[in-house]
Amino acid sequence: MSVLVDTCIWSLVLRRENPREDLSAELQVLAEAGSIAIIGPIRQELLSGVKDRKVFNRLAERLHAFQDIPLSESDFVRAAAFYNAARGRGVQGSNTDFLICAVASARGIPVFTVDADFHRFATFLPFRLYEWQSPPRPWRVNEPPAAGVVKRKTSATAKKAR
């Protein structure tokens, strides 16, 4: 199963002096499984604003290991429809966020994010969220995850199922 990794995850792992260890570990699990998916706009968001050329090059090189999902006209049309549906409900979001939702929806892959906006979007847009076993995150305190959350089976969960 592929997982579309949102900009905030990459940023918290690769662009911070003190990366989030729980996110780093989960990203490592996904990378080792060959399950990481990315799109060009996420890559652009990550590389934008990096002032130091060496840091930019190092980040671009690390991301080079992950091939972009090709985007089509229908992805952009679906993203615009999602944007309009959200606005109709009084919910704001960025064009890139709705493109991520559209790509995930069209390809049937979950989105790995800690951005509370995606949890709000998932209550009315047809895409799934990816959840991993980690310490509680702030969004879990205030909002329950959407019904479409996808959980990765851990070795403990797999043993219980046997």
N, C-alpha and C. Protein backbone atom coordinates (compact mmCIF):
# COMPACT_ATOMS: atom_id res chain seq x y z
N MET A 1 0.84 -1.18 0.00
CA MET A 1 0.00 0.00 0.00
C MET A 1 0.89 1.24 0.00
N SER A 2 0.59 2.17 -0.88
CA SER A 2 1.28 3.45 -0.89
C SER A 2 0.58 4.40 0.07
N VAL A 3 1.35 5.35 0.58
CA VAL A 3 0.84 6.37 1.49
C VAL A 3 1.35 7.72 0.99
N LEU A 4 0.44 8.66 0.76
CA LEU A 4 0.81 10.00 0.31
C LEU A 4 1.23 10.82 1.53
N VAL A 5 2.50 11.15 1.61
CA VAL A 5 3.06 11.84 2.77
C VAL A 5 2.93 13.34 2.57
N ASP A 6 2.21 13.99 3.48
CA ASP A 6 1.95 15.42 3.42
C ASP A 6 3.20 16.24 3.74
N THR A 7 3.18 17.47 3.30
CA THR A 7 4.29 18.41 3.49
C THR A 7 4.67 18.54 4.96
N CYS A 8 3.70 18.62 5.84
CA CYS A 8 4.01 18.84 7.26
C CYS A 8 4.84 17.70 7.84
N ILE A 9 4.60 16.47 7.41
CA ILE A 9 5.39 15.33 7.90
C ILE A 9 6.84 15.49 7.46
N TRP A 10 7.03 15.71 6.15
CA TRP A 10 8.38 15.90 5.64
C TRP A 10 9.09 17.04 6.36
N SER A 11 8.37 18.13 6.55
CA SER A 11 8.96 19.30 7.19
C SER A 11 9.38 19.01 8.63
N LEU A 12 8.52 18.34 9.37
CA LEU A 12 8.82 18.02 10.76
C LEU A 12 9.97 17.02 10.90
N VAL A 13 10.23 16.25 9.85
CA VAL A 13 11.30 15.26 9.88
C VAL A 13 12.59 15.79 9.24
N LEU A 14 12.47 16.47 8.12
CA LEU A 14 13.67 16.85 7.35
C LEU A 14 14.10 18.31 7.47
N ARG A 15 13.20 19.20 7.84
CA ARG A 15 13.55 20.62 7.84
C ARG A 15 13.75 21.19 9.24
N ARG A 16 13.68 20.40 10.25
CA ARG A 16 13.80 20.87 11.62
C ARG A 16 15.13 20.43 12.22
N GLU A 17 15.66 21.26 13.13
CA GLU A 17 16.88 20.87 13.84
C GLU A 17 16.61 19.69 14.76
N ASN A 18 15.44 19.66 15.36
CA ASN A 18 15.04 18.56 16.25
C ASN A 18 13.83 17.87 15.64
N PRO A 19 14.07 16.92 14.73
CA PRO A 19 12.94 16.26 14.07
C PRO A 19 12.11 15.45 15.05
N ARG A 20 10.82 15.33 14.75
CA ARG A 20 9.93 14.52 15.59
C ARG A 20 10.30 13.06 15.42
N GLU A 21 10.71 12.44 16.49
CA GLU A 21 11.18 11.05 16.44
C GLU A 21 10.09 10.08 16.03
N ASP A 22 8.85 10.28 16.51
CA ASP A 22 7.77 9.37 16.15
C ASP A 22 7.48 9.42 14.65
N LEU A 23 7.50 10.63 14.09
CA LEU A 23 7.26 10.77 12.65
C LEU A 23 8.43 10.22 11.85
N SER A 24 9.65 10.47 12.32
CA SER A 24 10.84 9.94 11.65
C SER A 24 10.80 8.42 11.59
N ALA A 25 10.44 7.80 12.71
CA ALA A 25 10.38 6.34 12.76
C ALA A 25 9.32 5.79 11.80
N GLU A 26 8.15 6.43 11.77
CA GLU A 26 7.09 5.95 10.88
C GLU A 26 7.47 6.17 9.41
N LEU A 27 8.08 7.30 9.11
CA LEU A 27 8.53 7.56 7.74
C LEU A 27 9.57 6.52 7.32
N GLN A 28 10.43 6.13 8.25
CA GLN A 28 11.43 5.09 7.98
C GLN A 28 10.76 3.76 7.67
N VAL A 29 9.73 3.40 8.44
CA VAL A 29 8.99 2.16 8.20
C VAL A 29 8.38 2.18 6.79
N LEU A 30 7.76 3.30 6.44
CA LEU A 30 7.15 3.43 5.11
C LEU A 30 8.20 3.37 4.00
N ALA A 31 9.34 4.03 4.22
CA ALA A 31 10.41 4.04 3.21
C ALA A 31 10.95 2.63 3.00
N GLU A 32 11.17 1.92 4.08
CA GLU A 32 11.70 0.56 3.96
C GLU A 32 10.72 -0.37 3.25
N ALA A 33 9.44 -0.08 3.38
CA ALA A 33 8.42 -0.89 2.71
C ALA A 33 8.18 -0.43 1.27
N GLY A 34 8.83 0.66 0.86
CA GLY A 34 8.61 1.20 -0.48
C GLY A 34 7.22 1.77 -0.64
N SER A 35 6.65 2.30 0.45
CA SER A 35 5.26 2.74 0.45
C SER A 35 5.06 4.25 0.40
N ILE A 36 6.13 5.01 0.27
CA ILE A 36 6.00 6.47 0.28
C ILE A 36 5.62 6.99 -1.10
N ALA A 37 4.58 7.83 -1.12
CA ALA A 37 4.16 8.51 -2.34
C ALA A 37 4.29 10.02 -2.10
N ILE A 38 4.62 10.74 -3.15
CA ILE A 38 4.77 12.20 -3.08
C ILE A 38 4.28 12.78 -4.41
N ILE A 39 3.87 14.03 -4.38
CA ILE A 39 3.52 14.73 -5.62
C ILE A 39 4.39 15.98 -5.73
N GLY A 40 4.55 16.46 -6.95
CA GLY A 40 5.41 17.62 -7.21
C GLY A 40 5.11 18.83 -6.34
N PRO A 41 3.84 19.20 -6.13
CA PRO A 41 3.57 20.37 -5.29
C PRO A 41 4.05 20.21 -3.84
N ILE A 42 4.05 18.99 -3.31
CA ILE A 42 4.60 18.78 -1.97
C ILE A 42 6.10 19.00 -2.01
N ARG A 43 6.76 18.45 -3.02
CA ARG A 43 8.21 18.64 -3.17
C ARG A 43 8.52 20.14 -3.27
N GLN A 44 7.73 20.87 -4.04
CA GLN A 44 7.95 22.31 -4.20
C GLN A 44 7.77 23.04 -2.87
N GLU A 45 6.71 22.71 -2.12
CA GLU A 45 6.49 23.35 -0.82
C GLU A 45 7.67 23.12 0.11
N LEU A 46 8.20 21.91 0.11
CA LEU A 46 9.33 21.60 0.99
C LEU A 46 10.59 22.37 0.64
N LEU A 47 10.83 22.51 -0.64
CA LEU A 47 12.06 23.17 -1.09
C LEU A 47 11.94 24.69 -1.12
N SER A 48 10.73 25.20 -1.15
CA SER A 48 10.52 26.64 -1.18
C SER A 48 10.91 27.26 0.16
N GLY A 49 11.59 28.37 0.09
CA GLY A 49 11.96 29.09 1.30
C GLY A 49 13.23 28.61 1.97
N VAL A 50 13.89 27.60 1.42
CA VAL A 50 15.17 27.15 1.99
C VAL A 50 16.25 28.06 1.44
N LYS A 51 16.75 28.94 2.29
CA LYS A 51 17.69 29.98 1.86
C LYS A 51 19.11 29.47 1.61
N ASP A 52 19.56 28.56 2.45
CA ASP A 52 20.92 28.05 2.35
C ASP A 52 21.00 27.03 1.20
N ARG A 53 21.84 27.31 0.22
CA ARG A 53 21.94 26.46 -0.98
C ARG A 53 22.35 25.03 -0.64
N LYS A 54 23.27 24.86 0.33
CA LYS A 54 23.70 23.52 0.72
C LYS A 54 22.55 22.73 1.35
N VAL A 55 21.78 23.40 2.19
CA VAL A 55 20.62 22.76 2.81
C VAL A 55 19.59 22.41 1.74
N PHE A 56 19.36 23.34 0.81
CA PHE A 56 18.44 23.10 -0.30
C PHE A 56 18.87 21.86 -1.09
N ASN A 57 20.14 21.80 -1.46
CA ASN A 57 20.64 20.67 -2.25
C ASN A 57 20.54 19.35 -1.48
N ARG A 58 20.85 19.39 -0.18
CA ARG A 58 20.78 18.18 0.64
C ARG A 58 19.33 17.69 0.73
N LEU A 59 18.39 18.62 0.93
CA LEU A 59 16.98 18.27 1.01
C LEU A 59 16.47 17.74 -0.33
N ALA A 60 16.85 18.40 -1.42
CA ALA A 60 16.44 17.95 -2.75
C ALA A 60 16.98 16.55 -3.03
N GLU A 61 18.21 16.27 -2.61
CA GLU A 61 18.81 14.95 -2.81
C GLU A 61 18.07 13.88 -2.01
N ARG A 62 17.70 14.19 -0.78
CA ARG A 62 16.98 13.21 0.04
C ARG A 62 15.61 12.91 -0.57
N LEU A 63 14.96 13.93 -1.11
CA LEU A 63 13.65 13.73 -1.71
C LEU A 63 13.72 13.04 -3.07
N HIS A 64 14.89 13.12 -3.71
CA HIS A 64 15.09 12.51 -5.03
C HIS A 64 14.81 11.00 -5.01
N ALA A 65 14.95 10.40 -3.84
CA ALA A 65 14.72 8.96 -3.71
C ALA A 65 13.27 8.57 -3.94
N PHE A 66 12.37 9.56 -3.91
CA PHE A 66 10.94 9.28 -4.02
C PHE A 66 10.40 9.88 -5.31
N GLN A 67 9.85 9.03 -6.15
CA GLN A 67 9.32 9.46 -7.44
C GLN A 67 7.94 10.08 -7.27
N ASP A 68 7.70 11.18 -7.99
CA ASP A 68 6.40 11.84 -7.94
C ASP A 68 5.32 11.00 -8.62
N ILE A 69 4.13 11.03 -8.04
CA ILE A 69 2.96 10.48 -8.71
C ILE A 69 2.64 11.45 -9.84
N PRO A 70 2.50 10.96 -11.07
CA PRO A 70 2.13 11.86 -12.16
C PRO A 70 0.73 12.44 -11.94
N LEU A 71 0.59 13.72 -12.17
CA LEU A 71 -0.69 14.39 -12.01
C LEU A 71 -1.36 14.56 -13.37
N SER A 72 -2.68 14.53 -13.36
CA SER A 72 -3.43 14.67 -14.61
C SER A 72 -4.42 15.82 -14.47
N GLU A 73 -5.01 16.18 -15.58
CA GLU A 73 -6.04 17.23 -15.59
C GLU A 73 -7.16 16.90 -14.61
N SER A 74 -7.55 15.64 -14.56
CA SER A 74 -8.64 15.24 -13.68
C SER A 74 -8.30 15.45 -12.20
N ASP A 75 -7.02 15.35 -11.84
CA ASP A 75 -6.61 15.62 -10.45
C ASP A 75 -6.88 17.08 -10.08
N PHE A 76 -6.58 17.98 -11.01
CA PHE A 76 -6.79 19.41 -10.74
C PHE A 76 -8.28 19.77 -10.73
N VAL A 77 -9.05 19.13 -11.61
CA VAL A 77 -10.50 19.36 -11.63
C VAL A 77 -11.12 18.85 -10.33
N ARG A 78 -10.70 17.66 -9.90
CA ARG A 78 -11.21 17.10 -8.64
C ARG A 78 -10.82 17.98 -7.46
N ALA A 79 -9.58 18.50 -7.46
CA ALA A 79 -9.12 19.39 -6.39
C ALA A 79 -9.98 20.65 -6.33
N ALA A 80 -10.32 21.20 -7.48
CA ALA A 80 -11.18 22.39 -7.52
C ALA A 80 -12.58 22.06 -6.99
N ALA A 81 -13.09 20.89 -7.33
CA ALA A 81 -14.40 20.47 -6.83
C ALA A 81 -14.36 20.30 -5.31
N PHE A 82 -13.27 19.75 -4.80
CA PHE A 82 -13.10 19.59 -3.34
C PHE A 82 -13.03 20.96 -2.67
N TYR A 83 -12.30 21.87 -3.28
CA TYR A 83 -12.19 23.24 -2.75
C TYR A 83 -13.59 23.86 -2.66
N ASN A 84 -14.35 23.74 -3.74
CA ASN A 84 -15.70 24.30 -3.77
C ASN A 84 -16.62 23.65 -2.73
N ALA A 85 -16.50 22.34 -2.57
CA ALA A 85 -17.31 21.64 -1.56
C ALA A 85 -16.96 22.14 -0.16
N ALA A 86 -15.68 22.34 0.09
CA ALA A 86 -15.25 22.84 1.40
C ALA A 86 -15.76 24.26 1.63
N ARG A 87 -15.59 25.11 0.64
CA ARG A 87 -16.06 26.49 0.77
C ARG A 87 -17.57 26.54 1.01
N GLY A 88 -18.29 25.64 0.36
CA GLY A 88 -19.73 25.57 0.56
C GLY A 88 -20.11 25.21 2.00
N ARG A 89 -19.19 24.59 2.70
CA ARG A 89 -19.40 24.24 4.11
C ARG A 89 -18.74 25.25 5.05
N GLY A 90 -18.15 26.31 4.47
CA GLY A 90 -17.48 27.31 5.28
C GLY A 90 -16.10 26.90 5.75
N VAL A 91 -15.49 25.92 5.08
CA VAL A 91 -14.18 25.39 5.46
C VAL A 91 -13.12 25.91 4.50
N GLN A 92 -12.07 26.50 5.03
CA GLN A 92 -10.96 27.02 4.23
C GLN A 92 -9.88 25.96 4.07
N GLY A 93 -9.10 26.07 3.01
CA GLY A 93 -7.96 25.19 2.78
C GLY A 93 -7.15 25.71 1.62
N SER A 94 -5.92 25.22 1.51
CA SER A 94 -5.05 25.66 0.42
C SER A 94 -5.30 24.82 -0.83
N ASN A 95 -4.92 25.37 -1.97
CA ASN A 95 -5.05 24.63 -3.22
C ASN A 95 -4.24 23.34 -3.17
N THR A 96 -3.05 23.40 -2.58
CA THR A 96 -2.21 22.20 -2.50
C THR A 96 -2.87 21.16 -1.61
N ASP A 97 -3.46 21.57 -0.50
CA ASP A 97 -4.14 20.60 0.38
C ASP A 97 -5.26 19.89 -0.37
N PHE A 98 -6.04 20.63 -1.14
CA PHE A 98 -7.14 19.99 -1.87
C PHE A 98 -6.61 19.12 -3.01
N LEU A 99 -5.47 19.48 -3.58
CA LEU A 99 -4.85 18.63 -4.60
C LEU A 99 -4.39 17.32 -3.97
N ILE A 100 -3.82 17.38 -2.78
CA ILE A 100 -3.41 16.18 -2.06
C ILE A 100 -4.63 15.29 -1.81
N CYS A 101 -5.71 15.88 -1.34
CA CYS A 101 -6.95 15.11 -1.11
C CYS A 101 -7.46 14.48 -2.41
N ALA A 102 -7.41 15.23 -3.49
CA ALA A 102 -7.89 14.74 -4.79
C ALA A 102 -7.06 13.57 -5.29
N VAL A 103 -5.74 13.69 -5.19
CA VAL A 103 -4.86 12.61 -5.64
C VAL A 103 -5.07 11.37 -4.79
N ALA A 104 -5.17 11.55 -3.47
CA ALA A 104 -5.40 10.41 -2.57
C ALA A 104 -6.73 9.74 -2.89
N SER A 105 -7.75 10.53 -3.13
CA SER A 105 -9.07 10.00 -3.45
C SER A 105 -9.06 9.23 -4.76
N ALA A 106 -8.49 9.82 -5.78
CA ALA A 106 -8.49 9.20 -7.11
C ALA A 106 -7.69 7.90 -7.15
N ARG A 107 -6.63 7.82 -6.35
CA ARG A 107 -5.76 6.65 -6.39
C ARG A 107 -6.01 5.68 -5.24
N GLY A 108 -6.94 6.03 -4.37
CA GLY A 108 -7.28 5.14 -3.27
C GLY A 108 -6.16 4.94 -2.26
N ILE A 109 -5.35 5.99 -2.05
CA ILE A 109 -4.25 5.88 -1.08
C ILE A 109 -4.49 6.86 0.07
N PRO A 110 -4.11 6.47 1.29
CA PRO A 110 -4.32 7.36 2.43
C PRO A 110 -3.27 8.47 2.50
N VAL A 111 -3.61 9.52 3.22
CA VAL A 111 -2.72 10.67 3.43
C VAL A 111 -2.14 10.58 4.84
N PHE A 112 -0.80 10.66 4.93
CA PHE A 112 -0.10 10.68 6.22
C PHE A 112 0.15 12.14 6.56
N THR A 113 -0.54 12.63 7.60
CA THR A 113 -0.45 14.03 7.97
C THR A 113 -0.69 14.21 9.46
N VAL A 114 -0.25 15.32 9.99
CA VAL A 114 -0.61 15.74 11.35
C VAL A 114 -1.33 17.08 11.29
N ASP A 115 -1.70 17.50 10.10
CA ASP A 115 -2.41 18.75 9.88
C ASP A 115 -3.89 18.55 10.18
N ALA A 116 -4.40 19.26 11.18
CA ALA A 116 -5.80 19.12 11.60
C ALA A 116 -6.78 19.44 10.48
N ASP A 117 -6.38 20.29 9.51
CA ASP A 117 -7.27 20.61 8.39
C ASP A 117 -7.68 19.34 7.63
N PHE A 118 -6.75 18.41 7.44
CA PHE A 118 -7.06 17.19 6.70
C PHE A 118 -8.07 16.33 7.46
N HIS A 119 -8.01 16.35 8.78
CA HIS A 119 -8.97 15.60 9.57
C HIS A 119 -10.36 16.21 9.44
N ARG A 120 -10.40 17.52 9.32
CA ARG A 120 -11.67 18.21 9.08
C ARG A 120 -12.18 17.87 7.67
N PHE A 121 -11.29 17.94 6.66
CA PHE A 121 -11.68 17.64 5.28
C PHE A 121 -12.22 16.21 5.16
N ALA A 122 -11.61 15.28 5.89
CA ALA A 122 -11.98 13.86 5.78
C ALA A 122 -13.39 13.58 6.30
N THR A 123 -13.99 14.53 6.98
CA THR A 123 -15.36 14.32 7.45
C THR A 123 -16.38 14.47 6.33
N PHE A 124 -15.96 15.11 5.20
CA PHE A 124 -16.92 15.27 4.11
C PHE A 124 -16.34 15.05 2.71
N LEU A 125 -15.03 14.83 2.59
CA LEU A 125 -14.43 14.54 1.28
C LEU A 125 -14.06 13.05 1.23
N PRO A 126 -14.14 12.45 0.04
CA PRO A 126 -13.90 11.00 -0.08
C PRO A 126 -12.43 10.60 -0.21
N PHE A 127 -11.67 10.79 0.85
CA PHE A 127 -10.30 10.28 0.90
C PHE A 127 -10.06 9.74 2.29
N ARG A 128 -9.00 8.96 2.45
CA ARG A 128 -8.69 8.33 3.73
C ARG A 128 -7.43 8.93 4.35
N LEU A 129 -7.36 8.86 5.66
CA LEU A 129 -6.19 9.28 6.41
C LEU A 129 -5.42 8.06 6.88
N TYR A 130 -4.12 8.21 6.99
CA TYR A 130 -3.25 7.15 7.50
C TYR A 130 -2.91 7.47 8.95
N GLU A 131 -3.09 6.50 9.82
CA GLU A 131 -2.74 6.69 11.23
C GLU A 131 -1.77 5.61 11.64
N TRP A 132 -0.81 5.98 12.44
CA TRP A 132 0.19 5.03 12.90
C TRP A 132 0.15 4.97 14.42
N GLN A 133 0.83 4.00 14.98
CA GLN A 133 0.89 3.86 16.43
C GLN A 133 1.92 4.83 16.97
N SER A 134 1.47 5.84 17.68
CA SER A 134 2.38 6.85 18.22
C SER A 134 1.77 7.45 19.47
N PRO A 135 2.55 8.28 20.16
CA PRO A 135 1.97 8.98 21.30
C PRO A 135 0.82 9.88 20.83
N PRO A 136 -0.11 10.23 21.71
CA PRO A 136 -1.23 11.08 21.31
C PRO A 136 -0.74 12.40 20.70
N ARG A 137 -1.45 12.82 19.66
CA ARG A 137 -1.12 14.09 19.01
C ARG A 137 -2.19 15.10 19.37
N PRO A 138 -1.87 16.40 19.29
CA PRO A 138 -2.84 17.43 19.70
C PRO A 138 -4.20 17.31 19.04
N TRP A 139 -4.28 16.95 17.76
CA TRP A 139 -5.58 16.88 17.09
C TRP A 139 -6.46 15.79 17.68
N ARG A 140 -5.85 14.78 18.29
CA ARG A 140 -6.64 13.69 18.85
C ARG A 140 -7.34 14.11 20.13
N VAL A 141 -6.79 15.12 20.81
CA VAL A 141 -7.39 15.59 22.04
C VAL A 141 -8.70 16.32 21.75
N ASN A 142 -8.70 17.15 20.71
CA ASN A 142 -9.84 18.00 20.42
C ASN A 142 -10.82 17.41 19.42
N GLU A 143 -10.35 16.55 18.53
CA GLU A 143 -11.23 16.01 17.50
C GLU A 143 -10.97 14.52 17.33
N PRO A 144 -12.00 13.73 17.20
CA PRO A 144 -11.78 12.32 16.90
C PRO A 144 -11.35 12.19 15.44
N PRO A 145 -10.57 11.16 15.12
CA PRO A 145 -10.20 10.97 13.71
C PRO A 145 -11.45 10.67 12.88
N ALA A 146 -11.38 11.00 11.61
CA ALA A 146 -12.49 10.76 10.70
C ALA A 146 -12.73 9.26 10.55
N ALA A 147 -13.89 8.92 10.08
CA ALA A 147 -14.26 7.51 9.92
C ALA A 147 -13.36 6.79 8.93
N GLY A 148 -12.75 7.51 8.00
CA GLY A 148 -11.93 6.88 6.97
C GLY A 148 -10.47 6.75 7.32
N VAL A 149 -10.11 6.70 8.59
CA VAL A 149 -8.71 6.60 9.00
C VAL A 149 -8.20 5.18 8.76
N VAL A 150 -7.01 5.07 8.20
CA VAL A 150 -6.39 3.78 7.92
C VAL A 150 -5.25 3.59 8.90
N LYS A 151 -5.23 2.48 9.61
CA LYS A 151 -4.18 2.22 10.59
C LYS A 151 -3.23 1.16 10.04
N ARG A 152 -1.94 1.35 10.29
CA ARG A 152 -0.93 0.37 9.92
C ARG A 152 -0.91 -0.69 11.00
N LYS A 153 -0.84 -1.95 10.61
CA LYS A 153 -0.74 -3.03 11.59
C LYS A 153 0.68 -3.06 12.14
N THR A 154 0.78 -3.06 13.44
CA THR A 154 2.09 -3.18 14.07
C THR A 154 2.32 -4.64 14.39
N SER A 155 3.53 -5.00 14.78
CA SER A 155 3.80 -6.39 15.11
C SER A 155 2.94 -6.84 16.29
N ALA A 156 2.67 -5.93 17.24
CA ALA A 156 1.81 -6.27 18.38
C ALA A 156 0.38 -6.55 17.92
N THR A 157 -0.12 -5.74 16.99
CA THR A 157 -1.48 -5.93 16.47
C THR A 157 -1.55 -7.23 15.69
N ALA A 158 -0.52 -7.51 14.92
CA ALA A 158 -0.49 -8.73 14.12
C ALA A 158 -0.49 -9.97 15.02
N LYS A 159 0.26 -9.92 16.15
CA LYS A 159 0.31 -11.04 17.07
C LYS A 159 -1.06 -11.27 17.72
N LYS A 160 -1.77 -10.18 18.05
CA LYS A 160 -3.10 -10.29 18.65
C LYS A 160 -4.08 -10.95 17.67
N ALA A 161 -3.90 -10.67 16.39
CA ALA A 161 -4.82 -11.19 15.37
C ALA A 161 -4.64 -12.68 15.14
N ARG A 162 -3.47 -13.22 15.52
CA ARG A 162 -3.19 -14.65 15.27
C ARG A 162 -3.91 -15.55 16.20
